[in-house]
Each structure stands twice: as C-alpha cells, then as structure tokens.
Amino acid sequence: MFKVVATDYAAEFERWTDALNQAKALMPQCKRLTQDVRIYLCDELIFLYSREHKFPKYIGAGTYNRLARLFIQEALEEEETSGSETGMPTATPCED
C-alpha cells in the first residue's frame, strides 16, 4: 500500500503508478522550501519531492530499480486487462 502525503493532503493507493501520478499532480503546489510531497510504501519513505532539489529523490538502496520494475509490471497488467476487455489479442514479448 502506497501513501501520498503533502501539505493538507493524504491518500492511499494500491498501485505505484497511481501514487506516482498523484504525487506529480501535487508537485506544482509546493511553493515554499518547507513544502514537500512524499510517498511511503507501508511506513518506509521511498519518494520525496521538494523545492530544495531539482529532481525528486528515490530514498533507499535499489528503490528506483524496484519501483521501475513495479511500474512495468503494472503497465503490462493494465495492457492485458484492456486487451481482454476489447477482445483484442495482447502482445507477447519476442523470443530470441
């Protein structure tokens, strides 16, 4: 479970993609140095954006790679779901 926290905002999300999209939507609201947007996985801080830094920070060793894999997995699941709803065949990875 992912939790997005910002000034006057807190929400929980099941998917990393949804949490990241919400955090990105909240970024423009960070006008002062003391305001930030954070994403927690359970109770562990994994993402931080503030005006102090040019780019968001991924906190913890291997966090970026783990979240990138999760992002890809969620995208593939979403593609499979949308393909099965429309009756279209889903793409499969090419084998060498």
C-alpha atoms as a PDB file:
ATOM      1  CA  MET A   1       0.000   0.000   0.000  1.00  0.00           C
ATOM      2  CA  PHE A   2       1.375   3.376  -1.067  1.00  0.00           C
ATOM      3  CA  LYS A   3       0.577   6.551   0.817  1.00  0.00           C
ATOM      4  CA  VAL A   4       0.971  10.008  -0.743  1.00  0.00           C
ATOM      5  CA  VAL A   5       1.413  12.838   1.758  1.00  0.00           C
ATOM      6  CA  ALA A   6       1.646  16.584   1.121  1.00  0.00           C
ATOM      7  CA  THR A   7       0.571  19.760   2.872  1.00  0.00           C
ATOM      8  CA  ASP A   8      -3.161  19.368   3.607  1.00  0.00           C
ATOM      9  CA  TYR A   9      -3.337  16.106   1.638  1.00  0.00           C
ATOM     10  CA  ALA A  10      -3.012  12.382   2.352  1.00  0.00           C
ATOM     11  CA  ALA A  11      -4.304   9.417   0.356  1.00  0.00           C
ATOM     12  CA  GLU A  12      -3.570   5.719  -0.018  1.00  0.00           C
ATOM     13  CA  PHE A  13      -3.183   3.831  -3.281  1.00  0.00           C
ATOM     14  CA  GLU A  14      -2.873   0.158  -4.176  1.00  0.00           C
ATOM     15  CA  ARG A  15      -0.750   0.756  -7.278  1.00  0.00           C
ATOM     16  CA  TRP A  16       2.614   2.546  -7.550  1.00  0.00           C
ATOM     17  CA  THR A  17       1.550   4.168 -10.832  1.00  0.00           C
ATOM     18  CA  ASP A  18      -1.495   5.795  -9.227  1.00  0.00           C
ATOM     19  CA  ALA A  19       0.544   7.055  -6.266  1.00  0.00           C
ATOM     20  CA  LEU A  20       3.231   8.483  -8.558  1.00  0.00           C
ATOM     21  CA  ASN A  21       0.664  10.232 -10.781  1.00  0.00           C
ATOM     22  CA  GLN A  22      -0.969  11.795  -7.725  1.00  0.00           C
ATOM     23  CA  ALA A  23       2.410  12.936  -6.366  1.00  0.00           C
ATOM     24  CA  LYS A  24       3.259  14.529  -9.718  1.00  0.00           C
ATOM     25  CA  ALA A  25      -0.079  16.349  -9.697  1.00  0.00           C
ATOM     26  CA  LEU A  26       0.717  17.758  -6.248  1.00  0.00           C
ATOM     27  CA  MET A  27       4.239  18.954  -7.137  1.00  0.00           C
ATOM     28  CA  PRO A  28       3.190  22.369  -8.524  1.00  0.00           C
ATOM     29  CA  GLN A  29       1.572  23.154  -5.157  1.00  0.00           C
ATOM     30  CA  CYS A  30       4.984  23.107  -3.444  1.00  0.00           C
ATOM     31  CA  LYS A  31       5.717  26.808  -3.495  1.00  0.00           C
ATOM     32  CA  ARG A  32       7.879  27.147  -0.365  1.00  0.00           C
ATOM     33  CA  LEU A  33      11.016  25.287   0.638  1.00  0.00           C
ATOM     34  CA  THR A  34       9.219  23.793   3.626  1.00  0.00           C
ATOM     35  CA  GLN A  35       6.525  22.137   1.482  1.00  0.00           C
ATOM     36  CA  ASP A  36       7.116  18.700   0.006  1.00  0.00           C
ATOM     37  CA  VAL A  37       5.405  15.642  -1.471  1.00  0.00           C
ATOM     38  CA  ARG A  38       6.229  12.221  -0.061  1.00  0.00           C
ATOM     39  CA  ILE A  39       5.313   8.668  -0.975  1.00  0.00           C
ATOM     40  CA  TYR A  40       5.527   5.905   1.601  1.00  0.00           C
ATOM     41  CA  LEU A  41       5.465   2.170   0.966  1.00  0.00           C
ATOM     42  CA  CYS A  42       3.912   0.826   4.153  1.00  0.00           C
ATOM     43  CA  ASP A  43       5.817   3.011   6.657  1.00  0.00           C
ATOM     44  CA  GLU A  44       9.008   3.409   4.610  1.00  0.00           C
ATOM     45  CA  LEU A  45       9.691   6.719   2.818  1.00  0.00           C
ATOM     46  CA  ILE A  46      10.562   5.898  -0.803  1.00  0.00           C
ATOM     47  CA  PHE A  47       9.943   9.145  -2.756  1.00  0.00           C
ATOM     48  CA  LEU A  48      10.489  12.804  -1.865  1.00  0.00           C
ATOM     49  CA  TYR A  49       9.976  15.968  -3.880  1.00  0.00           C
ATOM     50  CA  SER A  50      10.650  19.460  -2.559  1.00  0.00           C
ATOM     51  CA  ARG A  51      11.688  22.842  -3.945  1.00  0.00           C
ATOM     52  CA  GLU A  52      15.148  22.310  -2.451  1.00  0.00           C
ATOM     53  CA  HIS A  53      16.002  19.729  -5.108  1.00  0.00           C
ATOM     54  CA  LYS A  54      15.778  19.975  -8.879  1.00  0.00           C
ATOM     55  CA  PHE A  55      14.521  16.397  -9.252  1.00  0.00           C
ATOM     56  CA  PRO A  56      12.527  14.041  -6.992  1.00  0.00           C
ATOM     57  CA  LYS A  57      14.565  11.731  -4.778  1.00  0.00           C
ATOM     58  CA  TYR A  58      14.079   7.996  -4.507  1.00  0.00           C
ATOM     59  CA  ILE A  59      15.063   7.021  -0.977  1.00  0.00           C
ATOM     60  CA  GLY A  60      16.893   3.775  -0.217  1.00  0.00           C
ATOM     61  CA  ALA A  61      19.247   1.396  -1.946  1.00  0.00           C
ATOM     62  CA  GLY A  62      17.668  -0.209  -5.012  1.00  0.00           C
ATOM     63  CA  THR A  63      14.394   1.677  -4.600  1.00  0.00           C
ATOM     64  CA  TYR A  64      14.419   3.219  -8.071  1.00  0.00           C
ATOM     65  CA  ASN A  65      15.026  -0.152  -9.763  1.00  0.00           C
ATOM     66  CA  ARG A  66      12.368  -1.873  -7.653  1.00  0.00           C
ATOM     67  CA  LEU A  67       9.804   0.830  -8.476  1.00  0.00           C
ATOM     68  CA  ALA A  68      10.731   0.809 -12.175  1.00  0.00           C
ATOM     69  CA  ARG A  69      10.054  -2.948 -12.296  1.00  0.00           C
ATOM     70  CA  LEU A  70       6.757  -2.417 -10.488  1.00  0.00           C
ATOM     71  CA  PHE A  71       5.809   0.328 -12.967  1.00  0.00           C
ATOM     72  CA  ILE A  72       6.472  -2.028 -15.899  1.00  0.00           C
ATOM     73  CA  GLN A  73       4.536  -4.851 -14.238  1.00  0.00           C
ATOM     74  CA  GLU A  74       1.523  -2.598 -13.645  1.00  0.00           C
ATOM     75  CA  ALA A  75       1.655  -1.341 -17.245  1.00  0.00           C
ATOM     76  CA  LEU A  76       1.689  -4.917 -18.571  1.00  0.00           C
ATOM     77  CA  GLU A  77      -1.227  -5.890 -16.325  1.00  0.00           C
ATOM     78  CA  GLU A  78      -3.167  -2.848 -17.480  1.00  0.00           C
ATOM     79  CA  GLU A  79      -2.451  -3.707 -21.111  1.00  0.00           C
ATOM     80  CA  GLU A  80      -3.634  -7.296 -20.583  1.00  0.00           C
ATOM     81  CA  THR A  81      -6.805  -6.065 -18.911  1.00  0.00           C
ATOM     82  CA  SER A  82      -7.600  -3.560 -21.648  1.00  0.00           C
ATOM     83  CA  GLY A  83      -6.820  -6.151 -24.338  1.00  0.00           C
ATOM     84  CA  SER A  84      -9.148  -8.728 -22.808  1.00  0.00           C
ATOM     85  CA  GLU A  85     -11.952  -6.176 -22.420  1.00  0.00           C
ATOM     86  CA  THR A  86     -11.795  -5.154 -26.086  1.00  0.00           C
ATOM     87  CA  GLY A  87     -11.385  -8.683 -27.353  1.00  0.00           C
ATOM     88  CA  MET A  88      -8.057  -7.803 -28.960  1.00  0.00           C
ATOM     89  CA  PRO A  89      -5.119 -10.166 -28.531  1.00  0.00           C
ATOM     90  CA  THR A  90      -2.437  -8.943 -26.157  1.00  0.00           C
ATOM     91  CA  ALA A  91       1.133  -8.524 -27.280  1.00  0.00           C
ATOM     92  CA  THR A  92       3.689 -11.017 -26.020  1.00  0.00           C
ATOM     93  CA  PRO A  93       7.421 -10.367 -25.730  1.00  0.00           C
ATOM     94  CA  CYS A  94       9.530 -11.601 -28.632  1.00  0.00           C
ATOM     95  CA  GLU A  95      11.636 -14.668 -28.006  1.00  0.00           C
ATOM     96  CA  ASP A  96      15.189 -14.900 -29.335  1.00  0.00           C
END
